[in-house]
Amino acid sequence: MSLRGSHESSPLASPRLLVVDDEPAVSRTFKTLERQGIAVEAADTCTRAIELLRTRAFAAAFVDWKLRGEDGLAIIRAANDERIPTRLVVITGYADPDCSAEALRLGAGYLVKPVRMSLVAAITREAAEHGASTKFAEDAIFAGPPHERVAKAILKVVEAPNDVLTIDAWAELTGPARRTMEGWCSAAGVTAHNGLLFARCLRGVLRLSVFGEPFSQSIDSVDRRTRLELVEMAGGDRRSGAVPVTVEDFLEKQRVLGLATILNAVRRLLVDRYPNLR
């Protein structure tokens, strides 16, 4: 039987995922998805994982970075070399920029434990429906290099009906766990704290530019110090609270804050959403 033939499956079949982790508790957590109609198989070594990927059809595979001294990325490389049609995701207990960068370079996703099973289920079903090579819907904020992920996460804050006050709330709004969000930000060269401040400022400036809503009205800061920090980050005057009227003026002022890597991605998303924005 050909490799391609061995991976063909009926579109009506239950989505199937592979979890590769040497911690039994992690595999047991993944297996709770069987109650949602997702078939789950587990492996705890690179050799067993590659064998399963070669012989069985999986919509997605979630691979631990470190497996009893083995490099889980070896599984990603082997799957790529053999063009196995499975969506590949690296999971790790460490928010490591080098690991995330290498995983993304290999075309895999990257999540930091604890991984939300709701997100695992969404990724698996999306891959089962659209194929391993198809990028996930933007709302999943999953595909793309770190700076694009952070830019999409920032846009979630910008378009939120209310101000987003904490990193935990940002992660909840966006989808991944807080540590995953922090890992994305770190790989993009920005702290999660500054990324959220930037997003909140951009939201205020956008609402001022588009709707004429005062910047101070868009910010629900619980203390005066944070409010002043946001005004200052927006390029405004700490005394008067006045901020730049245009989004472009605001974006230009952010290069000094180490946000240059995500600015272009943010601009592209804004242009797509608001073609007449200045």
C-alpha atoms as a PDB file:
ATOM      1  CA  MET A   1       0.000   0.000   0.000  1.00  0.00           C
ATOM      2  CA  SER A   2       1.306   3.445  -0.874  1.00  0.00           C
ATOM      3  CA  LEU A   3       2.003   6.073   1.753  1.00  0.00           C
ATOM      4  CA  ARG A   4      -0.720   8.261   0.310  1.00  0.00           C
ATOM      5  CA  GLY A   5      -3.192   5.398   0.316  1.00  0.00           C
ATOM      6  CA  SER A   6      -2.436   4.527   3.911  1.00  0.00           C
ATOM      7  CA  HIS A   7      -3.510   8.006   5.002  1.00  0.00           C
ATOM      8  CA  GLU A   8      -6.769   8.260   3.108  1.00  0.00           C
ATOM      9  CA  SER A   9      -9.848   8.320   5.307  1.00  0.00           C
ATOM     10  CA  SER A  10     -13.567   8.834   4.965  1.00  0.00           C
ATOM     11  CA  PRO A  11     -14.721  12.433   5.463  1.00  0.00           C
ATOM     12  CA  LEU A  12     -17.380  11.000   7.793  1.00  0.00           C
ATOM     13  CA  ALA A  13     -14.837   9.290  10.053  1.00  0.00           C
ATOM     14  CA  SER A  14     -14.128  10.686  13.513  1.00  0.00           C
ATOM     15  CA  PRO A  15     -11.212  13.122  13.585  1.00  0.00           C
ATOM     16  CA  ARG A  16      -8.112  11.374  14.908  1.00  0.00           C
ATOM     17  CA  LEU A  17      -5.190  12.908  16.762  1.00  0.00           C
ATOM     18  CA  LEU A  18      -1.868  11.632  18.026  1.00  0.00           C
ATOM     19  CA  VAL A  19      -0.418  12.867  21.307  1.00  0.00           C
ATOM     20  CA  VAL A  20       3.287  12.242  21.865  1.00  0.00           C
ATOM     21  CA  ASP A  21       4.302  12.782  25.487  1.00  0.00           C
ATOM     22  CA  ASP A  22       6.203  10.791  28.102  1.00  0.00           C
ATOM     23  CA  GLU A  23       3.911  11.972  30.902  1.00  0.00           C
ATOM     24  CA  PRO A  24       0.912   9.600  31.207  1.00  0.00           C
ATOM     25  CA  ALA A  25      -1.177  12.368  32.768  1.00  0.00           C
ATOM     26  CA  VAL A  26      -0.873  14.451  29.597  1.00  0.00           C
ATOM     27  CA  SER A  27      -2.031  11.559  27.413  1.00  0.00           C
ATOM     28  CA  ARG A  28      -4.952  10.917  29.761  1.00  0.00           C
ATOM     29  CA  THR A  29      -5.990  14.559  29.475  1.00  0.00           C
ATOM     30  CA  PHE A  30      -5.951  14.348  25.675  1.00  0.00           C
ATOM     31  CA  LYS A  31      -8.010  11.158  25.811  1.00  0.00           C
ATOM     32  CA  THR A  32     -10.856  13.084  27.453  1.00  0.00           C
ATOM     33  CA  LEU A  33     -11.528  14.409  23.938  1.00  0.00           C
ATOM     34  CA  GLU A  34     -12.846  10.969  22.995  1.00  0.00           C
ATOM     35  CA  ARG A  35     -16.069  12.021  24.742  1.00  0.00           C
ATOM     36  CA  GLN A  36     -16.318  14.732  22.067  1.00  0.00           C
ATOM     37  CA  GLY A  37     -15.995  12.276  19.212  1.00  0.00           C
ATOM     38  CA  ILE A  38     -12.257  12.678  18.582  1.00  0.00           C
ATOM     39  CA  ALA A  39     -10.214   9.475  18.418  1.00  0.00           C
ATOM     40  CA  VAL A  40      -6.977   9.765  20.393  1.00  0.00           C
ATOM     41  CA  GLU A  41      -3.849   7.621  20.180  1.00  0.00           C
ATOM     42  CA  ALA A  42      -0.732   8.084  22.278  1.00  0.00           C
ATOM     43  CA  ALA A  43       3.008   7.470  21.959  1.00  0.00           C
ATOM     44  CA  ASP A  44       5.823   8.199  24.391  1.00  0.00           C
ATOM     45  CA  THR A  45       8.901   7.878  22.152  1.00  0.00           C
ATOM     46  CA  CYS A  46      10.021   9.341  18.841  1.00  0.00           C
ATOM     47  CA  THR A  47      10.300   5.906  17.262  1.00  0.00           C
ATOM     48  CA  ARG A  48       6.745   4.907  18.164  1.00  0.00           C
ATOM     49  CA  ALA A  49       5.358   8.267  17.090  1.00  0.00           C
ATOM     50  CA  ILE A  50       6.984   8.132  13.671  1.00  0.00           C
ATOM     51  CA  GLU A  51       5.777   4.548  13.217  1.00  0.00           C
ATOM     52  CA  LEU A  52       2.198   5.591  13.952  1.00  0.00           C
ATOM     53  CA  LEU A  53       2.376   8.617  11.663  1.00  0.00           C
ATOM     54  CA  ARG A  54       3.626   6.403   8.836  1.00  0.00           C
ATOM     55  CA  THR A  55       0.903   3.773   9.180  1.00  0.00           C
ATOM     56  CA  ARG A  56      -2.220   5.542  10.420  1.00  0.00           C
ATOM     57  CA  ALA A  57      -4.159   8.632   9.418  1.00  0.00           C
ATOM     58  CA  PHE A  58      -4.145  11.522  11.909  1.00  0.00           C
ATOM     59  CA  ALA A  59      -5.643  14.944  11.380  1.00  0.00           C
ATOM     60  CA  ALA A  60      -3.196  16.404  13.902  1.00  0.00           C
ATOM     61  CA  ALA A  61      -0.256  15.357  16.071  1.00  0.00           C
ATOM     62  CA  PHE A  62       0.677  17.133  19.299  1.00  0.00           C
ATOM     63  CA  VAL A  63       4.324  16.436  20.095  1.00  0.00           C
ATOM     64  CA  ASP A  64       6.141  17.168  23.344  1.00  0.00           C
ATOM     65  CA  TRP A  65       9.424  18.986  22.803  1.00  0.00           C
ATOM     66  CA  LYS A  66      11.417  16.870  25.282  1.00  0.00           C
ATOM     67  CA  LEU A  67      10.818  13.120  25.449  1.00  0.00           C
ATOM     68  CA  ARG A  68      13.069  11.349  27.966  1.00  0.00           C
ATOM     69  CA  GLY A  69      16.181  12.881  26.504  1.00  0.00           C
ATOM     70  CA  GLU A  70      14.871  12.757  22.922  1.00  0.00           C
ATOM     71  CA  ASP A  71      14.165  15.804  20.791  1.00  0.00           C
ATOM     72  CA  GLY A  72      10.498  15.869  19.853  1.00  0.00           C
ATOM     73  CA  LEU A  73      11.335  18.102  16.903  1.00  0.00           C
ATOM     74  CA  ALA A  74      12.875  15.018  15.290  1.00  0.00           C
ATOM     75  CA  ILE A  75       9.319  13.772  14.792  1.00  0.00           C
ATOM     76  CA  ILE A  76       8.377  17.024  13.057  1.00  0.00           C
ATOM     77  CA  ARG A  77      11.410  16.771  10.762  1.00  0.00           C
ATOM     78  CA  ALA A  78      10.668  13.125   9.900  1.00  0.00           C
ATOM     79  CA  ALA A  79       7.023  13.896   9.129  1.00  0.00           C
ATOM     80  CA  ASN A  80       8.086  16.778   6.899  1.00  0.00           C
ATOM     81  CA  ASP A  81      10.721  14.694   5.108  1.00  0.00           C
ATOM     82  CA  GLU A  82       8.165  11.992   4.347  1.00  0.00           C
ATOM     83  CA  ARG A  83       5.402  14.504   3.580  1.00  0.00           C
ATOM     84  CA  ILE A  84       3.018  12.880   6.025  1.00  0.00           C
ATOM     85  CA  PRO A  85      -0.288  14.792   5.747  1.00  0.00           C
ATOM     86  CA  THR A  86      -0.793  15.570   9.434  1.00  0.00           C
ATOM     87  CA  ARG A  87      -1.038  18.962  11.127  1.00  0.00           C
ATOM     88  CA  LEU A  88       1.941  19.116  13.523  1.00  0.00           C
ATOM     89  CA  VAL A  89       1.979  20.998  16.804  1.00  0.00           C
ATOM     90  CA  VAL A  90       4.808  21.181  19.339  1.00  0.00           C
ATOM     91  CA  ILE A  91       3.735  21.297  22.991  1.00  0.00           C
ATOM     92  CA  THR A  92       6.108  22.132  25.809  1.00  0.00           C
ATOM     93  CA  GLY A  93       6.219  23.058  29.453  1.00  0.00           C
ATOM     94  CA  TYR A  94       8.823  25.721  28.681  1.00  0.00           C
ATOM     95  CA  ALA A  95       8.160  29.040  26.932  1.00  0.00           C
ATOM     96  CA  ASP A  96      11.409  28.848  24.973  1.00  0.00           C
ATOM     97  CA  PRO A  97      11.932  31.319  22.083  1.00  0.00           C
ATOM     98  CA  ASP A  98      14.453  29.024  20.351  1.00  0.00           C
ATOM     99  CA  CYS A  99      12.052  26.088  20.419  1.00  0.00           C
ATOM    100  CA  SER A 100       9.122  28.156  19.177  1.00  0.00           C
ATOM    101  CA  ALA A 101      11.209  29.682  16.397  1.00  0.00           C
ATOM    102  CA  GLU A 102      12.444  26.259  15.232  1.00  0.00           C
ATOM    103  CA  ALA A 103       8.959  24.749  15.402  1.00  0.00           C
ATOM    104  CA  LEU A 104       7.562  27.593  13.322  1.00  0.00           C
ATOM    105  CA  ARG A 105      10.454  27.308  10.863  1.00  0.00           C
ATOM    106  CA  LEU A 106       9.518  23.651  10.382  1.00  0.00           C
ATOM    107  CA  GLY A 107       5.917  24.639   9.719  1.00  0.00           C
ATOM    108  CA  ALA A 108       4.574  23.318  13.021  1.00  0.00           C
ATOM    109  CA  GLY A 109       2.403  25.020  15.578  1.00  0.00           C
ATOM    110  CA  TYR A 110       3.633  25.775  19.092  1.00  0.00           C
ATOM    111  CA  LEU A 111       1.706  25.667  22.366  1.00  0.00           C
ATOM    112  CA  VAL A 112       2.840  25.957  25.973  1.00  0.00           C
ATOM    113  CA  LYS A 113       1.374  23.652  28.623  1.00  0.00           C
ATOM    114  CA  PRO A 114      -1.159  23.528  30.088  1.00  0.00           C
ATOM    115  CA  VAL A 115      -2.830  23.245  26.694  1.00  0.00           C
ATOM    116  CA  ARG A 116      -6.548  23.915  26.520  1.00  0.00           C
ATOM    117  CA  MET A 117      -8.404  20.873  25.230  1.00  0.00           C
ATOM    118  CA  SER A 118     -10.959  23.129  23.569  1.00  0.00           C
ATOM    119  CA  LEU A 119      -8.172  24.532  21.406  1.00  0.00           C
ATOM    120  CA  VAL A 120      -6.790  21.037  20.688  1.00  0.00           C
ATOM    121  CA  ALA A 121     -10.253  19.944  19.578  1.00  0.00           C
ATOM    122  CA  ALA A 122     -10.660  23.012  17.328  1.00  0.00           C
ATOM    123  CA  ILE A 123      -7.251  22.477  15.720  1.00  0.00           C
ATOM    124  CA  THR A 124      -7.934  18.777  15.122  1.00  0.00           C
ATOM    125  CA  ARG A 125     -11.357  19.329  13.591  1.00  0.00           C
ATOM    126  CA  GLU A 126     -10.070  22.175  11.418  1.00  0.00           C
ATOM    127  CA  ALA A 127      -7.232  19.990  10.127  1.00  0.00           C
ATOM    128  CA  ALA A 128      -9.605  17.071   9.530  1.00  0.00           C
ATOM    129  CA  GLU A 129     -11.922  19.275   7.483  1.00  0.00           C
ATOM    130  CA  HIS A 130      -9.437  21.381   5.541  1.00  0.00           C
ATOM    131  CA  GLY A 131      -6.213  19.385   5.506  1.00  0.00           C
ATOM    132  CA  ALA A 132      -2.880  19.614   7.272  1.00  0.00           C
ATOM    133  CA  SER A 133      -1.400  22.221   4.930  1.00  0.00           C
ATOM    134  CA  THR A 134      -4.298  24.674   5.268  1.00  0.00           C
ATOM    135  CA  LYS A 135      -3.756  27.560   7.642  1.00  0.00           C
ATOM    136  CA  PHE A 136      -6.326  27.797  10.393  1.00  0.00           C
ATOM    137  CA  ALA A 137      -8.979  30.473  10.474  1.00  0.00           C
ATOM    138  CA  GLU A 138      -7.737  33.796  11.735  1.00  0.00           C
ATOM    139  CA  ASP A 139      -9.933  33.586  14.804  1.00  0.00           C
ATOM    140  CA  ALA A 140      -7.846  30.616  15.980  1.00  0.00           C
ATOM    141  CA  ILE A 141      -4.730  32.868  15.802  1.00  0.00           C
ATOM    142  CA  PHE A 142      -2.629  29.820  15.211  1.00  0.00           C
ATOM    143  CA  ALA A 143      -0.768  29.912  11.922  1.00  0.00           C
ATOM    144  CA  GLY A 144       2.129  32.148  10.945  1.00  0.00           C
ATOM    145  CA  PRO A 145       5.356  33.377  12.544  1.00  0.00           C
ATOM    146  CA  PRO A 146       5.285  34.842  16.077  1.00  0.00           C
ATOM    147  CA  HIS A 147       5.030  38.504  15.056  1.00  0.00           C
ATOM    148  CA  GLU A 148       1.936  37.728  12.957  1.00  0.00           C
ATOM    149  CA  ARG A 149       0.343  35.805  15.797  1.00  0.00           C
ATOM    150  CA  VAL A 150       0.971  38.667  18.198  1.00  0.00           C
ATOM    151  CA  ALA A 151      -0.392  41.161  15.654  1.00  0.00           C
ATOM    152  CA  LYS A 152      -3.603  39.136  15.328  1.00  0.00           C
ATOM    153  CA  ALA A 153      -3.848  38.898  19.112  1.00  0.00           C
ATOM    154  CA  ILE A 154      -3.411  42.673  19.324  1.00  0.00           C
ATOM    155  CA  LEU A 155      -6.259  43.153  16.861  1.00  0.00           C
ATOM    156  CA  LYS A 156      -8.482  41.081  19.158  1.00  0.00           C
ATOM    157  CA  VAL A 157      -7.897  43.678  21.876  1.00  0.00           C
ATOM    158  CA  VAL A 158      -8.403  46.560  19.442  1.00  0.00           C
ATOM    159  CA  GLU A 159     -11.810  45.212  18.392  1.00  0.00           C
ATOM    160  CA  ALA A 160     -12.928  44.122  21.861  1.00  0.00           C
ATOM    161  CA  PRO A 161     -16.070  45.874  23.128  1.00  0.00           C
ATOM    162  CA  ASN A 162     -14.346  46.677  26.434  1.00  0.00           C
ATOM    163  CA  ASP A 163     -10.803  47.449  27.512  1.00  0.00           C
ATOM    164  CA  VAL A 164      -8.661  44.361  28.205  1.00  0.00           C
ATOM    165  CA  LEU A 165      -6.912  44.920  31.515  1.00  0.00           C
ATOM    166  CA  THR A 166      -4.662  41.884  32.085  1.00  0.00           C
ATOM    167  CA  ILE A 167      -2.531  39.365  30.208  1.00  0.00           C
ATOM    168  CA  ASP A 168      -4.808  36.590  31.485  1.00  0.00           C
ATOM    169  CA  ALA A 169      -7.820  38.387  30.022  1.00  0.00           C
ATOM    170  CA  TRP A 170      -5.915  38.882  26.751  1.00  0.00           C
ATOM    171  CA  ALA A 171      -5.126  35.176  26.552  1.00  0.00           C
ATOM    172  CA  GLU A 172      -8.744  34.297  27.332  1.00  0.00           C
ATOM    173  CA  LEU A 173      -9.967  36.644  24.594  1.00  0.00           C
ATOM    174  CA  THR A 174      -7.480  35.288  22.063  1.00  0.00           C
ATOM    175  CA  GLY A 175      -7.589  31.551  22.752  1.00  0.00           C
ATOM    176  CA  PRO A 176      -4.256  30.158  23.991  1.00  0.00           C
ATOM    177  CA  ALA A 177      -3.079  29.794  27.574  1.00  0.00           C
ATOM    178  CA  ARG A 178      -1.217  32.733  29.107  1.00  0.00           C
ATOM    179  CA  ARG A 179       2.161  30.977  28.846  1.00  0.00           C
ATOM    180  CA  THR A 180       1.577  30.338  25.145  1.00  0.00           C
ATOM    181  CA  MET A 181       0.766  34.014  24.641  1.00  0.00           C
ATOM    182  CA  GLU A 182       3.918  34.987  26.531  1.00  0.00           C
ATOM    183  CA  GLY A 183       5.932  32.574  24.373  1.00  0.00           C
ATOM    184  CA  TRP A 184       4.588  34.141  21.175  1.00  0.00           C
ATOM    185  CA  CYS A 185       5.439  37.613  22.451  1.00  0.00           C
ATOM    186  CA  SER A 186       8.937  36.562  23.521  1.00  0.00           C
ATOM    187  CA  ALA A 187       9.623  34.993  20.118  1.00  0.00           C
ATOM    188  CA  ALA A 188       8.400  38.234  18.485  1.00  0.00           C
ATOM    189  CA  GLY A 189      10.837  40.278  20.575  1.00  0.00           C
ATOM    190  CA  VAL A 190       8.356  41.965  22.906  1.00  0.00           C
ATOM    191  CA  THR A 191       7.169  41.299  26.447  1.00  0.00           C
ATOM    192  CA  ALA A 192       3.540  40.337  26.907  1.00  0.00           C
ATOM    193  CA  HIS A 193       3.164  43.358  29.199  1.00  0.00           C
ATOM    194  CA  ASN A 194       4.296  45.792  26.492  1.00  0.00           C
ATOM    195  CA  GLY A 195       2.333  43.924  23.833  1.00  0.00           C
ATOM    196  CA  LEU A 196      -0.866  44.375  25.809  1.00  0.00           C
ATOM    197  CA  LEU A 197      -0.119  48.028  26.575  1.00  0.00           C
ATOM    198  CA  PHE A 198       0.454  48.595  22.868  1.00  0.00           C
ATOM    199  CA  ALA A 199      -2.839  46.870  22.022  1.00  0.00           C
ATOM    200  CA  ARG A 200      -4.780  48.901  24.566  1.00  0.00           C
ATOM    201  CA  CYS A 201      -3.243  52.143  23.331  1.00  0.00           C
ATOM    202  CA  LEU A 202      -3.977  51.264  19.727  1.00  0.00           C
ATOM    203  CA  ARG A 203      -7.581  50.529  20.658  1.00  0.00           C
ATOM    204  CA  GLY A 204      -7.904  53.957  22.281  1.00  0.00           C
ATOM    205  CA  VAL A 205      -6.280  55.789  19.378  1.00  0.00           C
ATOM    206  CA  LEU A 206      -8.388  53.914  16.827  1.00  0.00           C
ATOM    207  CA  ARG A 207     -11.608  54.722  18.640  1.00  0.00           C
ATOM    208  CA  LEU A 208     -10.517  58.352  18.859  1.00  0.00           C
ATOM    209  CA  SER A 209      -9.653  58.460  15.149  1.00  0.00           C
ATOM    210  CA  VAL A 210     -12.721  56.615  13.861  1.00  0.00           C
ATOM    211  CA  PHE A 211     -15.447  57.438  16.387  1.00  0.00           C
ATOM    212  CA  GLY A 212     -14.150  60.576  18.050  1.00  0.00           C
ATOM    213  CA  GLU A 213     -14.274  58.826  21.428  1.00  0.00           C
ATOM    214  CA  PRO A 214     -11.903  60.457  23.951  1.00  0.00           C
ATOM    215  CA  PHE A 215      -8.827  58.332  24.605  1.00  0.00           C
ATOM    216  CA  SER A 216      -9.424  58.410  28.355  1.00  0.00           C
ATOM    217  CA  GLN A 217     -12.920  57.006  27.840  1.00  0.00           C
ATOM    218  CA  SER A 218     -11.533  53.940  26.038  1.00  0.00           C
ATOM    219  CA  ILE A 219      -9.121  53.043  28.841  1.00  0.00           C
ATOM    220  CA  ASP A 220     -10.524  51.359  31.920  1.00  0.00           C
ATOM    221  CA  SER A 221      -7.306  51.538  33.953  1.00  0.00           C
ATOM    222  CA  VAL A 222      -7.803  50.875  37.624  1.00  0.00           C
ATOM    223  CA  ASP A 223      -5.065  53.238  38.737  1.00  0.00           C
ATOM    224  CA  ARG A 224      -3.725  56.615  37.710  1.00  0.00           C
ATOM    225  CA  ARG A 225      -0.165  55.332  37.143  1.00  0.00           C
ATOM    226  CA  THR A 226      -1.286  52.825  34.522  1.00  0.00           C
ATOM    227  CA  ARG A 227      -3.476  55.423  32.842  1.00  0.00           C
ATOM    228  CA  LEU A 228      -0.527  57.819  32.577  1.00  0.00           C
ATOM    229  CA  GLU A 229       1.678  55.017  31.282  1.00  0.00           C
ATOM    230  CA  LEU A 230      -0.832  54.317  28.519  1.00  0.00           C
ATOM    231  CA  VAL A 231      -1.116  57.994  27.595  1.00  0.00           C
ATOM    232  CA  GLU A 232       2.669  58.286  27.444  1.00  0.00           C
ATOM    233  CA  MET A 233       3.018  55.117  25.371  1.00  0.00           C
ATOM    234  CA  ALA A 234       0.443  56.502  22.954  1.00  0.00           C
ATOM    235  CA  GLY A 235       2.714  59.491  22.427  1.00  0.00           C
ATOM    236  CA  GLY A 236       0.440  61.736  24.434  1.00  0.00           C
ATOM    237  CA  ASP A 237       0.985  64.421  27.027  1.00  0.00           C
ATOM    238  CA  ARG A 238       0.892  63.179  30.630  1.00  0.00           C
ATOM    239  CA  ARG A 239      -0.561  66.455  31.876  1.00  0.00           C
ATOM    240  CA  SER A 240      -3.349  67.003  29.399  1.00  0.00           C
ATOM    241  CA  GLY A 241      -3.940  63.384  28.416  1.00  0.00           C
ATOM    242  CA  ALA A 242      -3.988  64.396  24.720  1.00  0.00           C
ATOM    243  CA  VAL A 243      -2.821  61.711  22.270  1.00  0.00           C
ATOM    244  CA  PRO A 244      -2.069  61.562  18.520  1.00  0.00           C
ATOM    245  CA  VAL A 245      -5.224  61.879  16.455  1.00  0.00           C
ATOM    246  CA  THR A 246      -4.170  59.434  13.724  1.00  0.00           C
ATOM    247  CA  VAL A 247      -3.331  55.769  14.019  1.00  0.00           C
ATOM    248  CA  GLU A 248      -0.300  56.231  11.745  1.00  0.00           C
ATOM    249  CA  ASP A 249       1.155  58.869  14.069  1.00  0.00           C
ATOM    250  CA  PHE A 250       0.723  56.469  16.957  1.00  0.00           C
ATOM    251  CA  LEU A 251       2.335  53.554  15.106  1.00  0.00           C
ATOM    252  CA  GLU A 252       5.322  55.664  14.119  1.00  0.00           C
ATOM    253  CA  LYS A 253       5.966  56.489  17.773  1.00  0.00           C
ATOM    254  CA  GLN A 254       6.142  52.815  18.760  1.00  0.00           C
ATOM    255  CA  ARG A 255       9.379  51.865  16.983  1.00  0.00           C
ATOM    256  CA  VAL A 256      11.454  52.986  19.964  1.00  0.00           C
ATOM    257  CA  LEU A 257       9.645  50.485  22.206  1.00  0.00           C
ATOM    258  CA  GLY A 258      11.049  47.366  20.528  1.00  0.00           C
ATOM    259  CA  LEU A 259       7.808  46.724  18.658  1.00  0.00           C
ATOM    260  CA  ALA A 260       9.183  47.180  15.148  1.00  0.00           C
ATOM    261  CA  THR A 261       8.833  43.472  14.314  1.00  0.00           C
ATOM    262  CA  ILE A 262       5.070  43.524  14.709  1.00  0.00           C
ATOM    263  CA  LEU A 263       4.252  46.998  13.416  1.00  0.00           C
ATOM    264  CA  ASN A 264       4.089  46.051   9.748  1.00  0.00           C
ATOM    265  CA  ALA A 265       1.907  43.047  10.536  1.00  0.00           C
ATOM    266  CA  VAL A 266      -0.421  45.253  12.583  1.00  0.00           C
ATOM    267  CA  ARG A 267      -0.555  47.804   9.753  1.00  0.00           C
ATOM    268  CA  ARG A 268      -1.524  45.112   7.227  1.00  0.00           C
ATOM    269  CA  LEU A 269      -4.327  43.842   9.446  1.00  0.00           C
ATOM    270  CA  LEU A 270      -5.624  47.367  10.037  1.00  0.00           C
ATOM    271  CA  VAL A 271      -5.603  48.189   6.325  1.00  0.00           C
ATOM    272  CA  ASP A 272      -7.590  44.997   5.630  1.00  0.00           C
ATOM    273  CA  ARG A 273     -10.138  45.879   8.313  1.00  0.00           C
ATOM    274  CA  TYR A 274     -10.300  49.648   7.826  1.00  0.00           C
ATOM    275  CA  PRO A 275      -9.333  50.587   4.240  1.00  0.00           C
ATOM    276  CA  ASN A 276      -9.997  54.315   4.803  1.00  0.00           C
ATOM    277  CA  LEU A 277      -8.102  54.538   8.080  1.00  0.00           C
ATOM    278  CA  ARG A 278      -5.401  57.178   8.436  1.00  0.00           C
END
